[in-house]
Amino acid sequence: ERAIGREAVKNFLPLQAGDVPATHADV
């Protein structure tokens, strides 16, 4: 939104099948 200069209209939905809530890499 900051990069575009416009706020998004958000449509909040449930978690999709096959997706995971979080990722975090140990490098």
mmCIF file of all heavy atoms, coordinates in Angstrom:
data_MODEL
# 
_entry.id   MODEL 
# 
loop_
_atom_site.group_PDB 
_atom_site.id 
_atom_site.type_symbol 
_atom_site.label_atom_id 
_atom_site.label_alt_id 
_atom_site.label_comp_id 
_atom_site.label_asym_id 
_atom_site.label_entity_id 
_atom_site.label_seq_id 
_atom_site.pdbx_PDB_ins_code 
_atom_site.Cartn_x 
_atom_site.Cartn_y 
_atom_site.Cartn_z 
_atom_site.occupancy 
_atom_site.B_iso_or_equiv 
_atom_site.pdbx_formal_charge 
_atom_site.auth_seq_id 
_atom_site.auth_comp_id 
_atom_site.auth_asym_id 
_atom_site.auth_atom_id 
_atom_site.pdbx_PDB_model_num 
ATOM 1   N N   . GLU A 1 1  ? 0.831   -1.211  0.000  1.00 0.00 ? 1  GLU A N   1 
ATOM 2   C CA  . GLU A 1 1  ? 0.000   0.000   0.000  1.00 0.00 ? 1  GLU A CA  1 
ATOM 3   C C   . GLU A 1 1  ? 0.861   1.255   0.000  1.00 0.00 ? 1  GLU A C   1 
ATOM 4   O O   . GLU A 1 1  ? 0.576   2.219   -0.729 1.00 0.00 ? 1  GLU A O   1 
ATOM 5   C CB  . GLU A 1 1  ? -0.924  -0.015  1.225  1.00 0.00 ? 1  GLU A CB  1 
ATOM 6   C CG  . GLU A 1 1  ? -2.002  -1.093  1.168  1.00 0.00 ? 1  GLU A CG  1 
ATOM 7   C CD  . GLU A 1 1  ? -2.773  -1.225  2.478  1.00 0.00 ? 1  GLU A CD  1 
ATOM 8   O OE1 . GLU A 1 1  ? -2.184  -0.960  3.554  1.00 0.00 ? 1  GLU A OE1 1 
ATOM 9   O OE2 . GLU A 1 1  ? -3.954  -1.599  2.423  1.00 0.00 ? 1  GLU A OE2 1 
ATOM 10  N N   . ARG A 1 2  ? 1.930   1.257   0.802  1.00 0.00 ? 2  ARG A N   1 
ATOM 11  C CA  . ARG A 1 2  ? 2.830   2.424   0.842  1.00 0.00 ? 2  ARG A CA  1 
ATOM 12  C C   . ARG A 1 2  ? 3.513   2.628   -0.510 1.00 0.00 ? 2  ARG A C   1 
ATOM 13  O O   . ARG A 1 2  ? 3.646   3.760   -0.979 1.00 0.00 ? 2  ARG A O   1 
ATOM 14  C CB  . ARG A 1 2  ? 3.884   2.247   1.932  1.00 0.00 ? 2  ARG A CB  1 
ATOM 15  C CG  . ARG A 1 2  ? 3.376   2.520   3.332  1.00 0.00 ? 2  ARG A CG  1 
ATOM 16  C CD  . ARG A 1 2  ? 4.516   2.680   4.326  1.00 0.00 ? 2  ARG A CD  1 
ATOM 17  N NE  . ARG A 1 2  ? 5.369   1.488   4.388  1.00 0.00 ? 2  ARG A NE  1 
ATOM 18  C CZ  . ARG A 1 2  ? 5.118   0.447   5.168  1.00 0.00 ? 2  ARG A CZ  1 
ATOM 19  N NH1 . ARG A 1 2  ? 4.046   0.434   5.950  1.00 0.00 ? 2  ARG A NH1 1 
ATOM 20  N NH2 . ARG A 1 2  ? 5.948   -0.578  5.178  1.00 0.00 ? 2  ARG A NH2 1 
ATOM 21  N N   . ALA A 1 3  ? 3.960   1.547   -1.129 1.00 0.00 ? 3  ALA A N   1 
ATOM 22  C CA  . ALA A 1 3  ? 4.670   1.656   -2.408 1.00 0.00 ? 3  ALA A CA  1 
ATOM 23  C C   . ALA A 1 3  ? 3.744   2.155   -3.517 1.00 0.00 ? 3  ALA A C   1 
ATOM 24  O O   . ALA A 1 3  ? 4.170   2.914   -4.398 1.00 0.00 ? 3  ALA A O   1 
ATOM 25  C CB  . ALA A 1 3  ? 5.270   0.305   -2.787 1.00 0.00 ? 3  ALA A CB  1 
ATOM 26  N N   . ILE A 1 4  ? 2.472   1.763   -3.437 1.00 0.00 ? 4  ILE A N   1 
ATOM 27  C CA  . ILE A 1 4  ? 1.514   2.176   -4.465 1.00 0.00 ? 4  ILE A CA  1 
ATOM 28  C C   . ILE A 1 4  ? 0.914   3.542   -4.143 1.00 0.00 ? 4  ILE A C   1 
ATOM 29  O O   . ILE A 1 4  ? 0.586   4.320   -5.044 1.00 0.00 ? 4  ILE A O   1 
ATOM 30  C CB  . ILE A 1 4  ? 0.391   1.114   -4.607 1.00 0.00 ? 4  ILE A CB  1 
ATOM 31  C CG1 . ILE A 1 4  ? 0.975   -0.182  -5.178 1.00 0.00 ? 4  ILE A CG1 1 
ATOM 32  C CG2 . ILE A 1 4  ? -0.750  1.620   -5.492 1.00 0.00 ? 4  ILE A CG2 1 
ATOM 33  C CD1 . ILE A 1 4  ? -0.012  -1.337  -5.239 1.00 0.00 ? 4  ILE A CD1 1 
ATOM 34  N N   . GLY A 1 5  ? 0.783   3.813   -2.841 1.00 0.00 ? 5  GLY A N   1 
ATOM 35  C CA  . GLY A 1 5  ? 0.162   5.072   -2.431 1.00 0.00 ? 5  GLY A CA  1 
ATOM 36  C C   . GLY A 1 5  ? -1.348  4.973   -2.369 1.00 0.00 ? 5  GLY A C   1 
ATOM 37  O O   . GLY A 1 5  ? -2.057  5.964   -2.565 1.00 0.00 ? 5  GLY A O   1 
ATOM 38  N N   . ARG A 1 6  ? -1.849  3.770   -2.093 1.00 0.00 ? 6  ARG A N   1 
ATOM 39  C CA  . ARG A 1 6  ? -3.305  3.562   -2.055 1.00 0.00 ? 6  ARG A CA  1 
ATOM 40  C C   . ARG A 1 6  ? -3.605  2.416   -1.092 1.00 0.00 ? 6  ARG A C   1 
ATOM 41  O O   . ARG A 1 6  ? -2.887  1.416   -1.070 1.00 0.00 ? 6  ARG A O   1 
ATOM 42  C CB  . ARG A 1 6  ? -3.808  3.212   -3.455 1.00 0.00 ? 6  ARG A CB  1 
ATOM 43  C CG  . ARG A 1 6  ? -5.317  3.142   -3.587 1.00 0.00 ? 6  ARG A CG  1 
ATOM 44  C CD  . ARG A 1 6  ? -5.718  2.744   -4.997 1.00 0.00 ? 6  ARG A CD  1 
ATOM 45  N NE  . ARG A 1 6  ? -5.121  3.620   -6.004 1.00 0.00 ? 6  ARG A NE  1 
ATOM 46  C CZ  . ARG A 1 6  ? -5.177  3.370   -7.322 1.00 0.00 ? 6  ARG A CZ  1 
ATOM 47  N NH1 . ARG A 1 6  ? -5.752  2.256   -7.762 1.00 0.00 ? 6  ARG A NH1 1 
ATOM 48  N NH2 . ARG A 1 6  ? -4.627  4.204   -8.177 1.00 0.00 ? 6  ARG A NH2 1 
ATOM 49  N N   . GLU A 1 7  ? -4.674  2.567   -0.313 1.00 0.00 ? 7  GLU A N   1 
ATOM 50  C CA  . GLU A 1 7  ? -5.045  1.509   0.628  1.00 0.00 ? 7  GLU A CA  1 
ATOM 51  C C   . GLU A 1 7  ? -5.856  0.440   -0.090 1.00 0.00 ? 7  GLU A C   1 
ATOM 52  O O   . GLU A 1 7  ? -6.695  0.743   -0.950 1.00 0.00 ? 7  GLU A O   1 
ATOM 53  C CB  . GLU A 1 7  ? -5.843  2.090   1.791  1.00 0.00 ? 7  GLU A CB  1 
ATOM 54  C CG  . GLU A 1 7  ? -6.107  1.077   2.907  1.00 0.00 ? 7  GLU A CG  1 
ATOM 55  C CD  . GLU A 1 7  ? -6.742  1.707   4.131  1.00 0.00 ? 7  GLU A CD  1 
ATOM 56  O OE1 . GLU A 1 7  ? -6.741  2.952   4.219  1.00 0.00 ? 7  GLU A OE1 1 
ATOM 57  O OE2 . GLU A 1 7  ? -7.254  0.942   4.981  1.00 0.00 ? 7  GLU A OE2 1 
ATOM 58  N N   . ALA A 1 8  ? -5.630  -0.802  0.298  1.00 0.00 ? 8  ALA A N   1 
ATOM 59  C CA  . ALA A 1 8  ? -6.349  -1.919  -0.313 1.00 0.00 ? 8  ALA A CA  1 
ATOM 60  C C   . ALA A 1 8  ? -7.675  -2.153  0.390  1.00 0.00 ? 8  ALA A C   1 
ATOM 61  O O   . ALA A 1 8  ? -7.790  -1.986  1.602  1.00 0.00 ? 8  ALA A O   1 
ATOM 62  C CB  . ALA A 1 8  ? -5.503  -3.182  -0.240 1.00 0.00 ? 8  ALA A CB  1 
ATOM 63  N N   . VAL A 1 9  ? -8.678  -2.560  -0.413 1.00 0.00 ? 9  VAL A N   1 
ATOM 64  C CA  . VAL A 1 9  ? -9.924  -3.086  0.152  1.00 0.00 ? 9  VAL A CA  1 
ATOM 65  C C   . VAL A 1 9  ? -9.693  -4.577  0.365  1.00 0.00 ? 9  VAL A C   1 
ATOM 66  O O   . VAL A 1 9  ? -9.299  -5.295  -0.555 1.00 0.00 ? 9  VAL A O   1 
ATOM 67  C CB  . VAL A 1 9  ? -11.109 -2.862  -0.814 1.00 0.00 ? 9  VAL A CB  1 
ATOM 68  C CG1 . VAL A 1 9  ? -12.381 -3.470  -0.224 1.00 0.00 ? 9  VAL A CG1 1 
ATOM 69  C CG2 . VAL A 1 9  ? -11.282 -1.383  -1.096 1.00 0.00 ? 9  VAL A CG2 1 
ATOM 70  N N   . LYS A 1 10 ? -9.888  -5.047  1.602  1.00 0.00 ? 10 LYS A N   1 
ATOM 71  C CA  . LYS A 1 10 ? -9.489  -6.417  1.950  1.00 0.00 ? 10 LYS A CA  1 
ATOM 72  C C   . LYS A 1 10 ? -10.682 -7.332  2.125  1.00 0.00 ? 10 LYS A C   1 
ATOM 73  O O   . LYS A 1 10 ? -11.637 -6.997  2.831  1.00 0.00 ? 10 LYS A O   1 
ATOM 74  C CB  . LYS A 1 10 ? -8.636  -6.398  3.222  1.00 0.00 ? 10 LYS A CB  1 
ATOM 75  C CG  . LYS A 1 10 ? -7.374  -5.527  3.073  1.00 0.00 ? 10 LYS A CG  1 
ATOM 76  C CD  . LYS A 1 10 ? -6.731  -5.242  4.406  1.00 0.00 ? 10 LYS A CD  1 
ATOM 77  C CE  . LYS A 1 10 ? -5.605  -4.227  4.260  1.00 0.00 ? 10 LYS A CE  1 
ATOM 78  N NZ  . LYS A 1 10 ? -6.106  -2.846  4.075  1.00 0.00 ? 10 LYS A NZ  1 
ATOM 79  N N   . ASN A 1 11 ? -10.603 -8.499  1.488  1.00 0.00 ? 11 ASN A N   1 
ATOM 80  C CA  . ASN A 1 11 ? -11.610 -9.535  1.606  1.00 0.00 ? 11 ASN A CA  1 
ATOM 81  C C   . ASN A 1 11 ? -10.997 -10.683 2.407  1.00 0.00 ? 11 ASN A C   1 
ATOM 82  O O   . ASN A 1 11 ? -10.203 -11.461 1.874  1.00 0.00 ? 11 ASN A O   1 
ATOM 83  C CB  . ASN A 1 11 ? -12.030 -10.000 0.200  1.00 0.00 ? 11 ASN A CB  1 
ATOM 84  C CG  . ASN A 1 11 ? -13.101 -11.051 0.220  1.00 0.00 ? 11 ASN A CG  1 
ATOM 85  O OD1 . ASN A 1 11 ? -13.877 -11.138 1.170  1.00 0.00 ? 11 ASN A OD1 1 
ATOM 86  N ND2 . ASN A 1 11 ? -13.136 -11.874 -0.820 1.00 0.00 ? 11 ASN A ND2 1 
ATOM 87  N N   . PHE A 1 12 ? -11.330 -10.773 3.705  1.00 0.00 ? 12 PHE A N   1 
ATOM 88  C CA  . PHE A 1 12 ? -10.706 -11.760 4.585  1.00 0.00 ? 12 PHE A CA  1 
ATOM 89  C C   . PHE A 1 12 ? -11.380 -13.125 4.422  1.00 0.00 ? 12 PHE A C   1 
ATOM 90  O O   . PHE A 1 12 ? -12.600 -13.234 4.456  1.00 0.00 ? 12 PHE A O   1 
ATOM 91  C CB  . PHE A 1 12 ? -10.774 -11.299 6.038  1.00 0.00 ? 12 PHE A CB  1 
ATOM 92  C CG  . PHE A 1 12 ? -9.895  -10.104 6.317  1.00 0.00 ? 12 PHE A CG  1 
ATOM 93  C CD1 . PHE A 1 12 ? -10.426 -8.825  6.370  1.00 0.00 ? 12 PHE A CD1 1 
ATOM 94  C CD2 . PHE A 1 12 ? -8.530  -10.273 6.502  1.00 0.00 ? 12 PHE A CD2 1 
ATOM 95  C CE1 . PHE A 1 12 ? -9.609  -7.725  6.617  1.00 0.00 ? 12 PHE A CE1 1 
ATOM 96  C CE2 . PHE A 1 12 ? -7.705  -9.180  6.752  1.00 0.00 ? 12 PHE A CE2 1 
ATOM 97  C CZ  . PHE A 1 12 ? -8.242  -7.909  6.805  1.00 0.00 ? 12 PHE A CZ  1 
ATOM 98  N N   . LEU A 1 13 ? -10.546 -14.156 4.228  1.00 0.00 ? 13 LEU A N   1 
ATOM 99  C CA  . LEU A 1 13 ? -11.034 -15.506 3.932  1.00 0.00 ? 13 LEU A CA  1 
ATOM 100 C C   . LEU A 1 13 ? -10.323 -16.534 4.813  1.00 0.00 ? 13 LEU A C   1 
ATOM 101 O O   . LEU A 1 13 ? -9.260  -16.257 5.362  1.00 0.00 ? 13 LEU A O   1 
ATOM 102 C CB  . LEU A 1 13 ? -10.791 -15.840 2.460  1.00 0.00 ? 13 LEU A CB  1 
ATOM 103 C CG  . LEU A 1 13 ? -11.530 -14.971 1.432  1.00 0.00 ? 13 LEU A CG  1 
ATOM 104 C CD1 . LEU A 1 13 ? -10.973 -15.208 0.039  1.00 0.00 ? 13 LEU A CD1 1 
ATOM 105 C CD2 . LEU A 1 13 ? -13.025 -15.258 1.472  1.00 0.00 ? 13 LEU A CD2 1 
ATOM 106 N N   . PRO A 1 14 ? -10.873 -17.761 4.926  1.00 0.00 ? 14 PRO A N   1 
ATOM 107 C CA  . PRO A 1 14 ? -10.212 -18.805 5.708  1.00 0.00 ? 14 PRO A CA  1 
ATOM 108 C C   . PRO A 1 14 ? -8.927  -19.288 5.048  1.00 0.00 ? 14 PRO A C   1 
ATOM 109 O O   . PRO A 1 14 ? -8.658  -19.007 3.874  1.00 0.00 ? 14 PRO A O   1 
ATOM 110 C CB  . PRO A 1 14 ? -11.254 -19.939 5.748  1.00 0.00 ? 14 PRO A CB  1 
ATOM 111 C CG  . PRO A 1 14 ? -12.522 -19.353 5.257  1.00 0.00 ? 14 PRO A CG  1 
ATOM 112 C CD  . PRO A 1 14 ? -12.168 -18.189 4.394  1.00 0.00 ? 14 PRO A CD  1 
ATOM 113 N N   . LEU A 1 15 ? -8.132  -20.053 5.803  1.00 0.00 ? 15 LEU A N   1 
ATOM 114 C CA  . LEU A 1 15 ? -6.921  -20.681 5.276  1.00 0.00 ? 15 LEU A CA  1 
ATOM 115 C C   . LEU A 1 15 ? -7.295  -21.627 4.152  1.00 0.00 ? 15 LEU A C   1 
ATOM 116 O O   . LEU A 1 15 ? -8.270  -22.366 4.246  1.00 0.00 ? 15 LEU A O   1 
ATOM 117 C CB  . LEU A 1 15 ? -6.206  -21.453 6.391  1.00 0.00 ? 15 LEU A CB  1 
ATOM 118 C CG  . LEU A 1 15 ? -4.841  -22.070 6.060  1.00 0.00 ? 15 LEU A CG  1 
ATOM 119 C CD1 . LEU A 1 15 ? -3.798  -20.985 5.865  1.00 0.00 ? 15 LEU A CD1 1 
ATOM 120 C CD2 . LEU A 1 15 ? -4.400  -23.019 7.175  1.00 0.00 ? 15 LEU A CD2 1 
ATOM 121 N N   . GLN A 1 16 ? -6.508  -21.593 3.074  1.00 0.00 ? 16 GLN A N   1 
ATOM 122 C CA  . GLN A 1 16 ? -6.782  -22.459 1.930  1.00 0.00 ? 16 GLN A CA  1 
ATOM 123 C C   . GLN A 1 16 ? -6.203  -23.848 2.136  1.00 0.00 ? 16 GLN A C   1 
ATOM 124 O O   . GLN A 1 16 ? -5.183  -24.009 2.819  1.00 0.00 ? 16 GLN A O   1 
ATOM 125 C CB  . GLN A 1 16 ? -6.178  -21.857 0.653  1.00 0.00 ? 16 GLN A CB  1 
ATOM 126 C CG  . GLN A 1 16 ? -6.817  -20.556 0.229  1.00 0.00 ? 16 GLN A CG  1 
ATOM 127 C CD  . GLN A 1 16 ? -6.278  -20.089 -1.093 1.00 0.00 ? 16 GLN A CD  1 
ATOM 128 O OE1 . GLN A 1 16 ? -6.910  -20.223 -2.129 1.00 0.00 ? 16 GLN A OE1 1 
ATOM 129 N NE2 . GLN A 1 16 ? -5.074  -19.560 -1.074 1.00 0.00 ? 16 GLN A NE2 1 
ATOM 130 N N   . ALA A 1 17 ? -6.844  -24.845 1.532  1.00 0.00 ? 17 ALA A N   1 
ATOM 131 C CA  . ALA A 1 17 ? -6.353  -26.219 1.597  1.00 0.00 ? 17 ALA A CA  1 
ATOM 132 C C   . ALA A 1 17 ? -4.933  -26.285 1.042  1.00 0.00 ? 17 ALA A C   1 
ATOM 133 O O   . ALA A 1 17 ? -4.637  -25.693 0.006  1.00 0.00 ? 17 ALA A O   1 
ATOM 134 C CB  . ALA A 1 17 ? -7.265  -27.146 0.803  1.00 0.00 ? 17 ALA A CB  1 
ATOM 135 N N   . GLY A 1 18 ? -4.058  -26.994 1.746  1.00 0.00 ? 18 GLY A N   1 
ATOM 136 C CA  . GLY A 1 18 ? -2.680  -27.160 1.293  1.00 0.00 ? 18 GLY A CA  1 
ATOM 137 C C   . GLY A 1 18 ? -1.746  -26.062 1.728  1.00 0.00 ? 18 GLY A C   1 
ATOM 138 O O   . GLY A 1 18 ? -0.530  -26.164 1.532  1.00 0.00 ? 18 GLY A O   1 
ATOM 139 N N   . ASP A 1 19 ? -2.298  -24.987 2.309  1.00 0.00 ? 19 ASP A N   1 
ATOM 140 C CA  . ASP A 1 19 ? -1.455  -23.858 2.724  1.00 0.00 ? 19 ASP A CA  1 
ATOM 141 C C   . ASP A 1 19 ? -1.047  -24.031 4.191  1.00 0.00 ? 19 ASP A C   1 
ATOM 142 O O   . ASP A 1 19 ? -1.636  -24.801 4.929  1.00 0.00 ? 19 ASP A O   1 
ATOM 143 C CB  . ASP A 1 19 ? -2.205  -22.542 2.539  1.00 0.00 ? 19 ASP A CB  1 
ATOM 144 C CG  . ASP A 1 19 ? -1.300  -21.408 2.109  1.00 0.00 ? 19 ASP A CG  1 
ATOM 145 O OD1 . ASP A 1 19 ? -0.068  -21.548 2.287  1.00 0.00 ? 19 ASP A OD1 1 
ATOM 146 O OD2 . ASP A 1 19 ? -1.806  -20.397 1.584  1.00 0.00 ? 19 ASP A OD2 1 
ATOM 147 N N   . VAL A 1 20 ? -0.026  -23.302 4.598  1.00 0.00 ? 20 VAL A N   1 
ATOM 148 C CA  . VAL A 1 20 ? 0.431   -23.350 5.991  1.00 0.00 ? 20 VAL A CA  1 
ATOM 149 C C   . VAL A 1 20 ? 0.397   -21.931 6.573  1.00 0.00 ? 20 VAL A C   1 
ATOM 150 O O   . VAL A 1 20 ? 0.589   -20.959 5.840  1.00 0.00 ? 20 VAL A O   1 
ATOM 151 C CB  . VAL A 1 20 ? 1.859   -23.935 6.124  1.00 0.00 ? 20 VAL A CB  1 
ATOM 152 C CG1 . VAL A 1 20 ? 1.867   -25.389 5.651  1.00 0.00 ? 20 VAL A CG1 1 
ATOM 153 C CG2 . VAL A 1 20 ? 2.875   -23.113 5.354  1.00 0.00 ? 20 VAL A CG2 1 
ATOM 154 N N   . PRO A 1 21 ? 0.160   -21.789 7.889  1.00 0.00 ? 21 PRO A N   1 
ATOM 155 C CA  . PRO A 1 21 ? 0.036   -20.451 8.475  1.00 0.00 ? 21 PRO A CA  1 
ATOM 156 C C   . PRO A 1 21 ? 1.342   -19.668 8.534  1.00 0.00 ? 21 PRO A C   1 
ATOM 157 O O   . PRO A 1 21 ? 1.326   -18.437 8.507  1.00 0.00 ? 21 PRO A O   1 
ATOM 158 C CB  . PRO A 1 21 ? -0.473  -20.736 9.900  1.00 0.00 ? 21 PRO A CB  1 
ATOM 159 C CG  . PRO A 1 21 ? -0.942  -22.144 9.892  1.00 0.00 ? 21 PRO A CG  1 
ATOM 160 C CD  . PRO A 1 21 ? -0.144  -22.855 8.854  1.00 0.00 ? 21 PRO A CD  1 
ATOM 161 N N   . ALA A 1 22 ? 2.476   -20.372 8.647  1.00 0.00 ? 22 ALA A N   1 
ATOM 162 C CA  . ALA A 1 22 ? 3.728   -19.644 8.876  1.00 0.00 ? 22 ALA A CA  1 
ATOM 163 C C   . ALA A 1 22 ? 4.925   -20.368 8.280  1.00 0.00 ? 22 ALA A C   1 
ATOM 164 O O   . ALA A 1 22 ? 4.946   -21.602 8.198  1.00 0.00 ? 22 ALA A O   1 
ATOM 165 C CB  . ALA A 1 22 ? 3.948   -19.436 10.377 1.00 0.00 ? 22 ALA A CB  1 
ATOM 166 N N   . THR A 1 23 ? 5.931   -19.578 7.845  1.00 0.00 ? 23 THR A N   1 
ATOM 167 C CA  . THR A 1 23 ? 7.239   -20.119 7.458  1.00 0.00 ? 23 THR A CA  1 
ATOM 168 C C   . THR A 1 23 ? 8.322   -19.214 8.029  1.00 0.00 ? 23 THR A C   1 
ATOM 169 O O   . THR A 1 23 ? 8.126   -18.008 8.174  1.00 0.00 ? 23 THR A O   1 
ATOM 170 C CB  . THR A 1 23 ? 7.419   -20.206 5.920  1.00 0.00 ? 23 THR A CB  1 
ATOM 171 O OG1 . THR A 1 23 ? 7.391   -18.890 5.353  1.00 0.00 ? 23 THR A OG1 1 
ATOM 172 C CG2 . THR A 1 23 ? 6.340   -21.061 5.285  1.00 0.00 ? 23 THR A CG2 1 
ATOM 173 N N   . HIS A 1 24 ? 9.451   -19.807 8.371  1.00 0.00 ? 24 HIS A N   1 
ATOM 174 C CA  . HIS A 1 24 ? 10.585  -19.066 8.942  1.00 0.00 ? 24 HIS A CA  1 
ATOM 175 C C   . HIS A 1 24 ? 11.836  -19.908 8.719  1.00 0.00 ? 24 HIS A C   1 
ATOM 176 O O   . HIS A 1 24 ? 11.925  -21.026 9.215  1.00 0.00 ? 24 HIS A O   1 
ATOM 177 C CB  . HIS A 1 24 ? 10.340  -18.810 10.430 1.00 0.00 ? 24 HIS A CB  1 
ATOM 178 C CG  . HIS A 1 24 ? 11.455  -18.085 11.115 1.00 0.00 ? 24 HIS A CG  1 
ATOM 179 N ND1 . HIS A 1 24 ? 11.514  -17.899 12.486 1.00 0.00 ? 24 HIS A ND1 1 
ATOM 180 C CD2 . HIS A 1 24 ? 12.593  -17.499 10.631 1.00 0.00 ? 24 HIS A CD2 1 
ATOM 181 C CE1 . HIS A 1 24 ? 12.613  -17.232 12.802 1.00 0.00 ? 24 HIS A CE1 1 
ATOM 182 N NE2 . HIS A 1 24 ? 13.288  -16.986 11.698 1.00 0.00 ? 24 HIS A NE2 1 
ATOM 183 N N   . ALA A 1 25 ? 12.782  -19.371 7.981  1.00 0.00 ? 25 ALA A N   1 
ATOM 184 C CA  . ALA A 1 25 ? 13.968  -20.137 7.599  1.00 0.00 ? 25 ALA A CA  1 
ATOM 185 C C   . ALA A 1 25 ? 15.121  -19.955 8.578  1.00 0.00 ? 25 ALA A C   1 
ATOM 186 O O   . ALA A 1 25 ? 15.470  -18.827 8.934  1.00 0.00 ? 25 ALA A O   1 
ATOM 187 C CB  . ALA A 1 25 ? 14.437  -19.713 6.209  1.00 0.00 ? 25 ALA A CB  1 
ATOM 188 N N   . ASP A 1 26 ? 15.703  -21.067 8.982  1.00 0.00 ? 26 ASP A N   1 
ATOM 189 C CA  . ASP A 1 26 ? 17.014  -21.064 9.635  1.00 0.00 ? 26 ASP A CA  1 
ATOM 190 C C   . ASP A 1 26 ? 18.048  -21.144 8.500  1.00 0.00 ? 26 ASP A C   1 
ATOM 191 O O   . ASP A 1 26 ? 18.014  -22.079 7.696  1.00 0.00 ? 26 ASP A O   1 
ATOM 192 C CB  . ASP A 1 26 ? 17.122  -22.286 10.546 1.00 0.00 ? 26 ASP A CB  1 
ATOM 193 C CG  . ASP A 1 26 ? 18.457  -22.380 11.281 1.00 0.00 ? 26 ASP A CG  1 
ATOM 194 O OD1 . ASP A 1 26 ? 19.490  -21.954 10.721 1.00 0.00 ? 26 ASP A OD1 1 
ATOM 195 O OD2 . ASP A 1 26 ? 18.472  -22.930 12.394 1.00 0.00 ? 26 ASP A OD2 1 
ATOM 196 N N   . VAL A 1 27 ? 18.941  -20.170 8.405  1.00 0.00 ? 27 VAL A N   1 
ATOM 197 C CA  . VAL A 1 27 ? 19.895  -20.141 7.285  1.00 0.00 ? 27 VAL A CA  1 
ATOM 198 C C   . VAL A 1 27 ? 21.342  -20.353 7.734  1.00 0.00 ? 27 VAL A C   1 
ATOM 199 O O   . VAL A 1 27 ? 22.281  -20.015 7.004  1.00 0.00 ? 27 VAL A O   1 
ATOM 200 C CB  . VAL A 1 27 ? 19.778  -18.828 6.471  1.00 0.00 ? 27 VAL A CB  1 
ATOM 201 C CG1 . VAL A 1 27 ? 18.403  -18.715 5.828  1.00 0.00 ? 27 VAL A CG1 1 
ATOM 202 C CG2 . VAL A 1 27 ? 20.078  -17.609 7.334  1.00 0.00 ? 27 VAL A CG2 1 
# 
